[in-house]
Amino acid sequence: MSGDSWEEAPAQYPPNDRAAQRNITDGYIDLLRYLRPAQRRGLTARLANGYYEGWRPSREELADLIAVELGLLTWAESVERGQARRAGHQPVSVIGRIKARAH
């Protein structure tokens, strides 16, 4: 298993072994820990819903959403950053600001 496909997960992660089951948040757990539990659950639900609609956010895209939740970016700034990414530009990462805010 390459680890890239969720469709392969059931064979590798038996349903009765909860600790071994993959979670939609596995690639983002280090960023999600900065949110309060209710915020984390909400963003997890958004990720799960988006997954079934074909949305696969990058770490930077998810970091922007977390930054909005934490008040580090406005929703409008997050949208502008997404537009910049789609235009081929890479905005300055907010991950450092997220981590610094927690300390």
PDB file of N, CA and C in Angstrom:
ATOM      1  N   MET A   1       0.846  -1.188   0.000  1.00  0.00           N
ATOM      2  CA  MET A   1       0.000   0.000   0.000  1.00  0.00           C
ATOM      3  C   MET A   1       0.875   1.230   0.000  1.00  0.00           C
ATOM      4  N   SER A   2       0.562   2.148  -0.882  1.00  0.00           N
ATOM      5  CA  SER A   2       1.374   3.352  -1.014  1.00  0.00           C
ATOM      6  C   SER A   2       1.079   4.378   0.063  1.00  0.00           C
ATOM      7  N   GLY A   3      -0.088   4.279   0.703  1.00  0.00           N
ATOM      8  CA  GLY A   3      -0.458   5.248   1.722  1.00  0.00           C
ATOM      9  C   GLY A   3      -1.163   6.464   1.147  1.00  0.00           C
ATOM     10  N   ASP A   4      -1.286   6.512  -0.184  1.00  0.00           N
ATOM     11  CA  ASP A   4      -1.905   7.660  -0.827  1.00  0.00           C
ATOM     12  C   ASP A   4      -3.385   7.470  -1.104  1.00  0.00           C
ATOM     13  N   SER A   5      -3.876   6.266  -1.030  1.00  0.00           N
ATOM     14  CA  SER A   5      -5.250   6.014  -1.427  1.00  0.00           C
ATOM     15  C   SER A   5      -6.113   5.603  -0.251  1.00  0.00           C
ATOM     16  N   TRP A   6      -7.182   6.358  -0.030  1.00  0.00           N
ATOM     17  CA  TRP A   6      -8.121   6.008   1.037  1.00  0.00           C
ATOM     18  C   TRP A   6      -8.882   4.753   0.666  1.00  0.00           C
ATOM     19  N   GLU A   7      -9.031   4.503  -0.640  1.00  0.00           N
ATOM     20  CA  GLU A   7      -9.782   3.339  -1.067  1.00  0.00           C
ATOM     21  C   GLU A   7      -9.086   2.044  -0.649  1.00  0.00           C
ATOM     22  N   GLU A   8      -7.778   2.073  -0.475  1.00  0.00           N
ATOM     23  CA  GLU A   8      -7.030   0.892  -0.059  1.00  0.00           C
ATOM     24  C   GLU A   8      -7.097   0.664   1.447  1.00  0.00           C
ATOM     25  N   ALA A   9      -7.523   1.643   2.193  1.00  0.00           N
ATOM     26  CA  ALA A   9      -7.455   1.605   3.651  1.00  0.00           C
ATOM     27  C   ALA A   9      -8.151   0.412   4.306  1.00  0.00           C
ATOM     28  N   PRO A  10      -9.366  -0.012   3.891  1.00  0.00           N
ATOM     29  CA  PRO A  10     -10.025  -1.101   4.625  1.00  0.00           C
ATOM     30  C   PRO A  10      -9.208  -2.379   4.712  1.00  0.00           C
ATOM     31  N   ALA A  11      -8.458  -2.715   3.674  1.00  0.00           N
ATOM     32  CA  ALA A  11      -7.664  -3.940   3.714  1.00  0.00           C
ATOM     33  C   ALA A  11      -6.527  -3.838   4.724  1.00  0.00           C
ATOM     34  N   GLN A  12      -5.997  -2.661   4.909  1.00  0.00           N
ATOM     35  CA  GLN A  12      -4.872  -2.470   5.805  1.00  0.00           C
ATOM     36  C   GLN A  12      -5.281  -2.111   7.229  1.00  0.00           C
ATOM     37  N   TYR A  13      -6.458  -1.590   7.389  1.00  0.00           N
ATOM     38  CA  TYR A  13      -6.895  -1.111   8.685  1.00  0.00           C
ATOM     39  C   TYR A  13      -8.209  -1.788   9.054  1.00  0.00           C
ATOM     40  N   PRO A  14      -8.145  -2.932   9.716  1.00  0.00           N
ATOM     41  CA  PRO A  14      -9.361  -3.676  10.049  1.00  0.00           C
ATOM     42  C   PRO A  14     -10.334  -2.832  10.860  1.00  0.00           C
ATOM     43  N   PRO A  15     -11.637  -2.943  10.558  1.00  0.00           N
ATOM     44  CA  PRO A  15     -12.629  -2.127  11.250  1.00  0.00           C
ATOM     45  C   PRO A  15     -12.663  -2.332  12.756  1.00  0.00           C
ATOM     46  N   ASN A  16     -12.244  -3.492  13.237  1.00  0.00           N
ATOM     47  CA  ASN A  16     -12.286  -3.759  14.673  1.00  0.00           C
ATOM     48  C   ASN A  16     -11.066  -3.228  15.410  1.00  0.00           C
ATOM     49  N   ASP A  17     -10.062  -2.783  14.699  1.00  0.00           N
ATOM     50  CA  ASP A  17      -8.851  -2.252  15.317  1.00  0.00           C
ATOM     51  C   ASP A  17      -8.865  -0.738  15.192  1.00  0.00           C
ATOM     52  N   ARG A  18      -9.599  -0.087  16.094  1.00  0.00           N
ATOM     53  CA  ARG A  18      -9.819   1.362  16.012  1.00  0.00           C
ATOM     54  C   ARG A  18      -8.501   2.148  16.020  1.00  0.00           C
ATOM     55  N   ALA A  19      -7.521   1.711  16.767  1.00  0.00           N
ATOM     56  CA  ALA A  19      -6.252   2.434  16.848  1.00  0.00           C
ATOM     57  C   ALA A  19      -5.535   2.448  15.505  1.00  0.00           C
ATOM     58  N   ALA A  20      -5.752   1.456  14.667  1.00  0.00           N
ATOM     59  CA  ALA A  20      -5.050   1.355  13.401  1.00  0.00           C
ATOM     60  C   ALA A  20      -5.831   1.979  12.242  1.00  0.00           C
ATOM     61  N   GLN A  21      -7.073   2.383  12.456  1.00  0.00           N
ATOM     62  CA  GLN A  21      -7.867   2.952  11.380  1.00  0.00           C
ATOM     63  C   GLN A  21      -7.335   4.310  10.967  1.00  0.00           C
ATOM     64  N   ARG A  22      -7.321   4.533   9.665  1.00  0.00           N
ATOM     65  CA  ARG A  22      -6.918   5.852   9.167  1.00  0.00           C
ATOM     66  C   ARG A  22      -8.029   6.838   9.403  1.00  0.00           C
ATOM     67  N   ASN A  23      -7.646   8.077   9.584  1.00  0.00           N
ATOM     68  CA  ASN A  23      -8.588   9.152   9.830  1.00  0.00           C
ATOM     69  C   ASN A  23      -8.321  10.249   8.818  1.00  0.00           C
ATOM     70  N   ILE A  24      -9.338  10.942   8.410  1.00  0.00           N
ATOM     71  CA  ILE A  24      -9.204  12.013   7.419  1.00  0.00           C
ATOM     72  C   ILE A  24      -8.243  13.102   7.888  1.00  0.00           C
ATOM     73  N   THR A  25      -8.029  13.197   9.188  1.00  0.00           N
ATOM     74  CA  THR A  25      -7.165  14.246   9.738  1.00  0.00           C
ATOM     75  C   THR A  25      -5.719  13.804   9.933  1.00  0.00           C
ATOM     76  N   ASP A  26      -5.391  12.571   9.623  1.00  0.00           N
ATOM     77  CA  ASP A  26      -4.051  12.054   9.908  1.00  0.00           C
ATOM     78  C   ASP A  26      -2.921  12.951   9.415  1.00  0.00           C
ATOM     79  N   GLY A  27      -3.045  13.508   8.230  1.00  0.00           N
ATOM     80  CA  GLY A  27      -1.980  14.345   7.675  1.00  0.00           C
ATOM     81  C   GLY A  27      -1.916  15.754   8.245  1.00  0.00           C
ATOM     82  N   TYR A  28      -2.889  16.092   9.089  1.00  0.00           N
ATOM     83  CA  TYR A  28      -2.979  17.456   9.592  1.00  0.00           C
ATOM     84  C   TYR A  28      -3.019  17.538  11.116  1.00  0.00           C
ATOM     85  N   ILE A  29      -2.850  16.427  11.783  1.00  0.00           N
ATOM     86  CA  ILE A  29      -3.062  16.372  13.236  1.00  0.00           C
ATOM     87  C   ILE A  29      -2.206  17.391  13.988  1.00  0.00           C
ATOM     88  N   ASP A  30      -0.997  17.649  13.500  1.00  0.00           N
ATOM     89  CA  ASP A  30      -0.125  18.607  14.177  1.00  0.00           C
ATOM     90  C   ASP A  30      -0.682  20.031  14.093  1.00  0.00           C
ATOM     91  N   LEU A  31      -1.422  20.348  13.046  1.00  0.00           N
ATOM     92  CA  LEU A  31      -2.023  21.676  12.911  1.00  0.00           C
ATOM     93  C   LEU A  31      -3.347  21.762  13.656  1.00  0.00           C
ATOM     94  N   LEU A  32      -4.117  20.697  13.608  1.00  0.00           N
ATOM     95  CA  LEU A  32      -5.436  20.693  14.244  1.00  0.00           C
ATOM     96  C   LEU A  32      -5.355  20.785  15.763  1.00  0.00           C
ATOM     97  N   ARG A  33      -4.229  20.418  16.330  1.00  0.00           N
ATOM     98  CA  ARG A  33      -4.113  20.435  17.794  1.00  0.00           C
ATOM     99  C   ARG A  33      -4.181  21.846  18.386  1.00  0.00           C
ATOM    100  N   TYR A  34      -4.028  22.854  17.539  1.00  0.00           N
ATOM    101  CA  TYR A  34      -4.092  24.236  18.018  1.00  0.00           C
ATOM    102  C   TYR A  34      -5.537  24.745  18.155  1.00  0.00           C
ATOM    103  N   LEU A  35      -6.481  23.951  17.683  1.00  0.00           N
ATOM    104  CA  LEU A  35      -7.892  24.334  17.778  1.00  0.00           C
ATOM    105  C   LEU A  35      -8.524  23.781  19.046  1.00  0.00           C
ATOM    106  N   ARG A  36      -9.564  24.448  19.511  1.00  0.00           N
ATOM    107  CA  ARG A  36     -10.365  23.910  20.611  1.00  0.00           C
ATOM    108  C   ARG A  36     -11.106  22.678  20.092  1.00  0.00           C
ATOM    109  N   PRO A  37     -11.507  21.766  20.967  1.00  0.00           N
ATOM    110  CA  PRO A  37     -12.172  20.528  20.514  1.00  0.00           C
ATOM    111  C   PRO A  37     -13.358  20.758  19.575  1.00  0.00           C
ATOM    112  N   ALA A  38     -14.209  21.719  19.873  1.00  0.00           N
ATOM    113  CA  ALA A  38     -15.370  21.967  19.010  1.00  0.00           C
ATOM    114  C   ALA A  38     -14.930  22.456  17.623  1.00  0.00           C
ATOM    115  N   GLN A  39     -13.907  23.310  17.585  1.00  0.00           N
ATOM    116  CA  GLN A  39     -13.387  23.785  16.303  1.00  0.00           C
ATOM    117  C   GLN A  39     -12.780  22.627  15.515  1.00  0.00           C
ATOM    118  N   ARG A  40     -12.045  21.782  16.212  1.00  0.00           N
ATOM    119  CA  ARG A  40     -11.405  20.624  15.576  1.00  0.00           C
ATOM    120  C   ARG A  40     -12.461  19.682  14.986  1.00  0.00           C
ATOM    121  N   ARG A  41     -13.521  19.423  15.751  1.00  0.00           N
ATOM    122  CA  ARG A  41     -14.586  18.550  15.241  1.00  0.00           C
ATOM    123  C   ARG A  41     -15.248  19.162  14.009  1.00  0.00           C
ATOM    124  N   GLY A  42     -15.479  20.471  14.053  1.00  0.00           N
ATOM    125  CA  GLY A  42     -16.091  21.142  12.917  1.00  0.00           C
ATOM    126  C   GLY A  42     -15.233  21.071  11.667  1.00  0.00           C
ATOM    127  N   LEU A  43     -13.942  21.294  11.832  1.00  0.00           N
ATOM    128  CA  LEU A  43     -13.047  21.242  10.678  1.00  0.00           C
ATOM    129  C   LEU A  43     -12.890  19.807  10.180  1.00  0.00           C
ATOM    130  N   THR A  44     -12.901  18.848  11.083  1.00  0.00           N
ATOM    131  CA  THR A  44     -12.845  17.439  10.684  1.00  0.00           C
ATOM    132  C   THR A  44     -14.079  17.080   9.863  1.00  0.00           C
ATOM    133  N   ALA A  45     -15.244  17.540  10.288  1.00  0.00           N
ATOM    134  CA  ALA A  45     -16.472  17.292   9.533  1.00  0.00           C
ATOM    135  C   ALA A  45     -16.390  17.932   8.148  1.00  0.00           C
ATOM    136  N   ARG A  46     -15.829  19.125   8.094  1.00  0.00           N
ATOM    137  CA  ARG A  46     -15.656  19.812   6.811  1.00  0.00           C
ATOM    138  C   ARG A  46     -14.711  19.042   5.892  1.00  0.00           C
ATOM    139  N   LEU A  47     -13.623  18.520   6.465  1.00  0.00           N
ATOM    140  CA  LEU A  47     -12.687  17.711   5.684  1.00  0.00           C
ATOM    141  C   LEU A  47     -13.368  16.454   5.146  1.00  0.00           C
ATOM    142  N   ALA A  48     -14.128  15.788   6.003  1.00  0.00           N
ATOM    143  CA  ALA A  48     -14.802  14.553   5.596  1.00  0.00           C
ATOM    144  C   ALA A  48     -15.820  14.836   4.496  1.00  0.00           C
ATOM    145  N   ASN A  49     -16.614  15.870   4.672  1.00  0.00           N
ATOM    146  CA  ASN A  49     -17.597  16.233   3.663  1.00  0.00           C
ATOM    147  C   ASN A  49     -16.905  16.602   2.356  1.00  0.00           C
ATOM    148  N   GLY A  50     -15.872  17.406   2.457  1.00  0.00           N
ATOM    149  CA  GLY A  50     -15.130  17.827   1.278  1.00  0.00           C
ATOM    150  C   GLY A  50     -14.471  16.665   0.556  1.00  0.00           C
ATOM    151  N   TYR A  51     -14.015  15.680   1.314  1.00  0.00           N
ATOM    152  CA  TYR A  51     -13.374  14.504   0.708  1.00  0.00           C
ATOM    153  C   TYR A  51     -14.321  13.842  -0.287  1.00  0.00           C
ATOM    154  N   TYR A  52     -15.570  13.690   0.106  1.00  0.00           N
ATOM    155  CA  TYR A  52     -16.549  13.041  -0.766  1.00  0.00           C
ATOM    156  C   TYR A  52     -16.979  13.934  -1.924  1.00  0.00           C
ATOM    157  N   GLU A  53     -16.625  15.191  -1.870  1.00  0.00           N
ATOM    158  CA  GLU A  53     -16.883  16.111  -2.975  1.00  0.00           C
ATOM    159  C   GLU A  53     -15.634  16.335  -3.823  1.00  0.00           C
ATOM    160  N   GLY A  54     -14.560  15.596  -3.501  1.00  0.00           N
ATOM    161  CA  GLY A  54     -13.332  15.678  -4.284  1.00  0.00           C
ATOM    162  C   GLY A  54     -12.311  16.686  -3.793  1.00  0.00           C
ATOM    163  N   TRP A  55     -12.544  17.273  -2.612  1.00  0.00           N
ATOM    164  CA  TRP A  55     -11.618  18.277  -2.074  1.00  0.00           C
ATOM    165  C   TRP A  55     -10.490  17.590  -1.326  1.00  0.00           C
ATOM    166  N   ARG A  56      -9.256  17.872  -1.726  1.00  0.00           N
ATOM    167  CA  ARG A  56      -8.064  17.354  -1.056  1.00  0.00           C
ATOM    168  C   ARG A  56      -7.162  18.543  -0.745  1.00  0.00           C
ATOM    169  N   PRO A  57      -7.383  19.206   0.390  1.00  0.00           N
ATOM    170  CA  PRO A  57      -6.614  20.419   0.678  1.00  0.00           C
ATOM    171  C   PRO A  57      -5.144  20.130   0.972  1.00  0.00           C
ATOM    172  N   SER A  58      -4.309  21.054   0.569  1.00  0.00           N
ATOM    173  CA  SER A  58      -2.895  20.961   0.941  1.00  0.00           C
ATOM    174  C   SER A  58      -2.776  21.376   2.407  1.00  0.00           C
ATOM    175  N   ARG A  59      -1.613  21.134   2.999  1.00  0.00           N
ATOM    176  CA  ARG A  59      -1.382  21.570   4.379  1.00  0.00           C
ATOM    177  C   ARG A  59      -1.527  23.087   4.487  1.00  0.00           C
ATOM    178  N   GLU A  60      -1.057  23.804   3.479  1.00  0.00           N
ATOM    179  CA  GLU A  60      -1.140  25.260   3.503  1.00  0.00           C
ATOM    180  C   GLU A  60      -2.587  25.736   3.426  1.00  0.00           C
ATOM    181  N   GLU A  61      -3.394  25.073   2.603  1.00  0.00           N
ATOM    182  CA  GLU A  61      -4.819  25.442   2.528  1.00  0.00           C
ATOM    183  C   GLU A  61      -5.507  25.197   3.865  1.00  0.00           C
ATOM    184  N   LEU A  62      -5.217  24.059   4.464  1.00  0.00           N
ATOM    185  CA  LEU A  62      -5.831  23.766   5.753  1.00  0.00           C
ATOM    186  C   LEU A  62      -5.307  24.716   6.826  1.00  0.00           C
ATOM    187  N   ALA A  63      -4.023  25.057   6.755  1.00  0.00           N
ATOM    188  CA  ALA A  63      -3.460  26.016   7.712  1.00  0.00           C
ATOM    189  C   ALA A  63      -4.181  27.354   7.613  1.00  0.00           C
ATOM    190  N   ASP A  64      -4.540  27.759   6.396  1.00  0.00           N
ATOM    191  CA  ASP A  64      -5.293  29.005   6.238  1.00  0.00           C
ATOM    192  C   ASP A  64      -6.640  28.911   6.951  1.00  0.00           C
ATOM    193  N   LEU A  65      -7.339  27.781   6.808  1.00  0.00           N
ATOM    194  CA  LEU A  65      -8.636  27.615   7.477  1.00  0.00           C
ATOM    195  C   LEU A  65      -8.478  27.630   8.997  1.00  0.00           C
ATOM    196  N   ILE A  66      -7.415  27.009   9.472  1.00  0.00           N
ATOM    197  CA  ILE A  66      -7.148  27.018  10.912  1.00  0.00           C
ATOM    198  C   ILE A  66      -6.835  28.439  11.377  1.00  0.00           C
ATOM    199  N   ALA A  67      -6.069  29.164  10.571  1.00  0.00           N
ATOM    200  CA  ALA A  67      -5.744  30.551  10.909  1.00  0.00           C
ATOM    201  C   ALA A  67      -7.005  31.410  10.979  1.00  0.00           C
ATOM    202  N   VAL A  68      -7.976  31.136  10.126  1.00  0.00           N
ATOM    203  CA  VAL A  68      -9.247  31.859  10.190  1.00  0.00           C
ATOM    204  C   VAL A  68      -9.946  31.521  11.505  1.00  0.00           C
ATOM    205  N   GLU A  69      -9.986  30.249  11.863  1.00  0.00           N
ATOM    206  CA  GLU A  69     -10.613  29.826  13.123  1.00  0.00           C
ATOM    207  C   GLU A  69      -9.953  30.491  14.328  1.00  0.00           C
ATOM    208  N   LEU A  70      -8.647  30.691  14.243  1.00  0.00           N
ATOM    209  CA  LEU A  70      -7.897  31.279  15.360  1.00  0.00           C
ATOM    210  C   LEU A  70      -7.878  32.809  15.322  1.00  0.00           C
ATOM    211  N   GLY A  71      -8.456  33.394  14.286  1.00  0.00           N
ATOM    212  CA  GLY A  71      -8.477  34.846  14.178  1.00  0.00           C
ATOM    213  C   GLY A  71      -7.192  35.446  13.644  1.00  0.00           C
ATOM    214  N   LEU A  72      -6.342  34.627  13.046  1.00  0.00           N
ATOM    215  CA  LEU A  72      -5.079  35.122  12.493  1.00  0.00           C
ATOM    216  C   LEU A  72      -5.230  35.634  11.067  1.00  0.00           C
ATOM    217  N   LEU A  73      -6.246  35.147  10.371  1.00  0.00           N
ATOM    218  CA  LEU A  73      -6.593  35.600   9.024  1.00  0.00           C
ATOM    219  C   LEU A  73      -8.092  35.860   9.000  1.00  0.00           C
ATOM    220  N   THR A  74      -8.511  36.763   8.150  1.00  0.00           N
ATOM    221  CA  THR A  74      -9.946  36.927   7.917  1.00  0.00           C
ATOM    222  C   THR A  74     -10.358  35.927   6.838  1.00  0.00           C
ATOM    223  N   TRP A  75     -11.674  35.725   6.740  1.00  0.00           N
ATOM    224  CA  TRP A  75     -12.159  34.827   5.691  1.00  0.00           C
ATOM    225  C   TRP A  75     -11.764  35.380   4.311  1.00  0.00           C
ATOM    226  N   ALA A  76     -11.866  36.701   4.127  1.00  0.00           N
ATOM    227  CA  ALA A  76     -11.507  37.322   2.850  1.00  0.00           C
ATOM    228  C   ALA A  76     -10.027  37.092   2.519  1.00  0.00           C
ATOM    229  N   GLU A  77      -9.164  37.200   3.524  1.00  0.00           N
ATOM    230  CA  GLU A  77      -7.729  36.948   3.290  1.00  0.00           C
ATOM    231  C   GLU A  77      -7.498  35.502   2.880  1.00  0.00           C
ATOM    232  N   SER A  78      -8.208  34.588   3.510  1.00  0.00           N
ATOM    233  CA  SER A  78      -8.082  33.171   3.170  1.00  0.00           C
ATOM    234  C   SER A  78      -8.509  32.918   1.724  1.00  0.00           C
ATOM    235  N   VAL A  79      -9.602  33.545   1.313  1.00  0.00           N
ATOM    236  CA  VAL A  79     -10.084  33.400  -0.068  1.00  0.00           C
ATOM    237  C   VAL A  79      -9.056  33.969  -1.046  1.00  0.00           C
ATOM    238  N   GLU A  80      -8.488  35.142  -0.730  1.00  0.00           N
ATOM    239  CA  GLU A  80      -7.466  35.753  -1.591  1.00  0.00           C
ATOM    240  C   GLU A  80      -6.248  34.842  -1.718  1.00  0.00           C
ATOM    241  N   ARG A  81      -5.863  34.232  -0.620  1.00  0.00           N
ATOM    242  CA  ARG A  81      -4.697  33.330  -0.636  1.00  0.00           C
ATOM    243  C   ARG A  81      -4.984  32.099  -1.510  1.00  0.00           C
ATOM    244  N   GLY A  82      -6.213  31.602  -1.436  1.00  0.00           N
ATOM    245  CA  GLY A  82      -6.600  30.472  -2.286  1.00  0.00           C
ATOM    246  C   GLY A  82      -6.576  30.846  -3.760  1.00  0.00           C
ATOM    247  N   GLN A  83      -7.044  32.041  -4.069  1.00  0.00           N
ATOM    248  CA  GLN A  83      -7.018  32.525  -5.451  1.00  0.00           C
ATOM    249  C   GLN A  83      -5.582  32.671  -5.941  1.00  0.00           C
ATOM    250  N   ALA A  84      -4.708  33.160  -5.079  1.00  0.00           N
ATOM    251  CA  ALA A  84      -3.290  33.303  -5.443  1.00  0.00           C
ATOM    252  C   ALA A  84      -2.676  31.937  -5.745  1.00  0.00           C
ATOM    253  N   ARG A  85      -3.004  30.945  -4.927  1.00  0.00           N
ATOM    254  CA  ARG A  85      -2.480  29.588  -5.173  1.00  0.00           C
ATOM    255  C   ARG A  85      -2.945  29.062  -6.528  1.00  0.00           C
ATOM    256  N   ARG A  86      -4.231  29.250  -6.812  1.00  0.00           N
ATOM    257  CA  ARG A  86      -4.767  28.770  -8.096  1.00  0.00           C
ATOM    258  C   ARG A  86      -4.124  29.500  -9.277  1.00  0.00           C
ATOM    259  N   ALA A  87      -3.661  30.721  -9.046  1.00  0.00           N
ATOM    260  CA  ALA A  87      -2.983  31.498 -10.096  1.00  0.00           C
ATOM    261  C   ALA A  87      -1.497  31.149 -10.190  1.00  0.00           C
ATOM    262  N   GLY A  88      -1.039  30.219  -9.345  1.00  0.00           N
ATOM    263  CA  GLY A  88       0.355  29.781  -9.414  1.00  0.00           C
ATOM    264  C   GLY A  88       1.298  30.481  -8.457  1.00  0.00           C
ATOM    265  N   HIS A  89       0.762  31.297  -7.568  1.00  0.00           N
ATOM    266  CA  HIS A  89       1.585  32.003  -6.580  1.00  0.00           C
ATOM    267  C   HIS A  89       1.466  31.288  -5.238  1.00  0.00           C
ATOM    268  N   GLN A  90       2.526  31.318  -4.478  1.00  0.00           N
ATOM    269  CA  GLN A  90       2.517  30.675  -3.163  1.00  0.00           C
ATOM    270  C   GLN A  90       2.578  31.734  -2.071  1.00  0.00           C
ATOM    271  N   PRO A  91       1.458  31.981  -1.390  1.00  0.00           N
ATOM    272  CA  PRO A  91       1.479  32.967  -0.296  1.00  0.00           C
ATOM    273  C   PRO A  91       2.404  32.519   0.833  1.00  0.00           C
ATOM    274  N   VAL A  92       2.834  33.462   1.624  1.00  0.00           N
ATOM    275  CA  VAL A  92       3.671  33.157   2.787  1.00  0.00           C
ATOM    276  C   VAL A  92       2.886  32.244   3.725  1.00  0.00           C
ATOM    277  N   SER A  93       3.520  31.205   4.191  1.00  0.00           N
ATOM    278  CA  SER A  93       2.872  30.224   5.069  1.00  0.00           C
ATOM    279  C   SER A  93       2.432  30.857   6.386  1.00  0.00           C
ATOM    280  N   VAL A  94       1.271  30.426   6.876  1.00  0.00           N
ATOM    281  CA  VAL A  94       0.784  30.881   8.181  1.00  0.00           C
ATOM    282  C   VAL A  94       1.056  29.853   9.276  1.00  0.00           C
ATOM    283  N   ILE A  95       1.666  28.750   8.915  1.00  0.00           N
ATOM    284  CA  ILE A  95       1.901  27.684   9.898  1.00  0.00           C
ATOM    285  C   ILE A  95       2.741  28.192  11.064  1.00  0.00           C
ATOM    286  N   GLY A  96       3.767  28.971  10.789  1.00  0.00           N
ATOM    287  CA  GLY A  96       4.596  29.530  11.858  1.00  0.00           C
ATOM    288  C   GLY A  96       3.794  30.431  12.793  1.00  0.00           C
ATOM    289  N   ARG A  97       2.887  31.220  12.236  1.00  0.00           N
ATOM    290  CA  ARG A  97       2.037  32.094  13.060  1.00  0.00           C
ATOM    291  C   ARG A  97       1.095  31.273  13.932  1.00  0.00           C
ATOM    292  N   ILE A  98       0.586  30.183  13.385  1.00  0.00           N
ATOM    293  CA  ILE A  98      -0.306  29.305  14.167  1.00  0.00           C
ATOM    294  C   ILE A  98       0.442  28.729  15.359  1.00  0.00           C
ATOM    295  N   LYS A  99       1.632  28.217  15.101  1.00  0.00           N
ATOM    296  CA  LYS A  99       2.425  27.607  16.169  1.00  0.00           C
ATOM    297  C   LYS A  99       2.873  28.639  17.197  1.00  0.00           C
ATOM    298  N   ALA A 100       3.246  29.823  16.736  1.00  0.00           N
ATOM    299  CA  ALA A 100       3.701  30.887  17.646  1.00  0.00           C
ATOM    300  C   ALA A 100       2.565  31.358  18.548  1.00  0.00           C
ATOM    301  N   ARG A 101       1.356  31.383  18.033  1.00  0.00           N
ATOM    302  CA  ARG A 101       0.211  31.838  18.812  1.00  0.00           C
ATOM    303  C   ARG A 101      -0.040  30.909  20.001  1.00  0.00           C
ATOM    304  N   ALA A 102       0.275  29.652  19.843  1.00  0.00           N
ATOM    305  CA  ALA A 102       0.011  28.667  20.904  1.00  0.00           C
ATOM    306  C   ALA A 102       1.017  28.798  22.047  1.00  0.00           C
ATOM    307  N   HIS A 103       2.137  29.437  21.808  1.00  0.00           N
ATOM    308  CA  HIS A 103       3.174  29.505  22.856  1.00  0.00           C
ATOM    309  C   HIS A 103       3.116  30.766  23.635  1.00  0.00           C
TER     310      HIS A 103
END
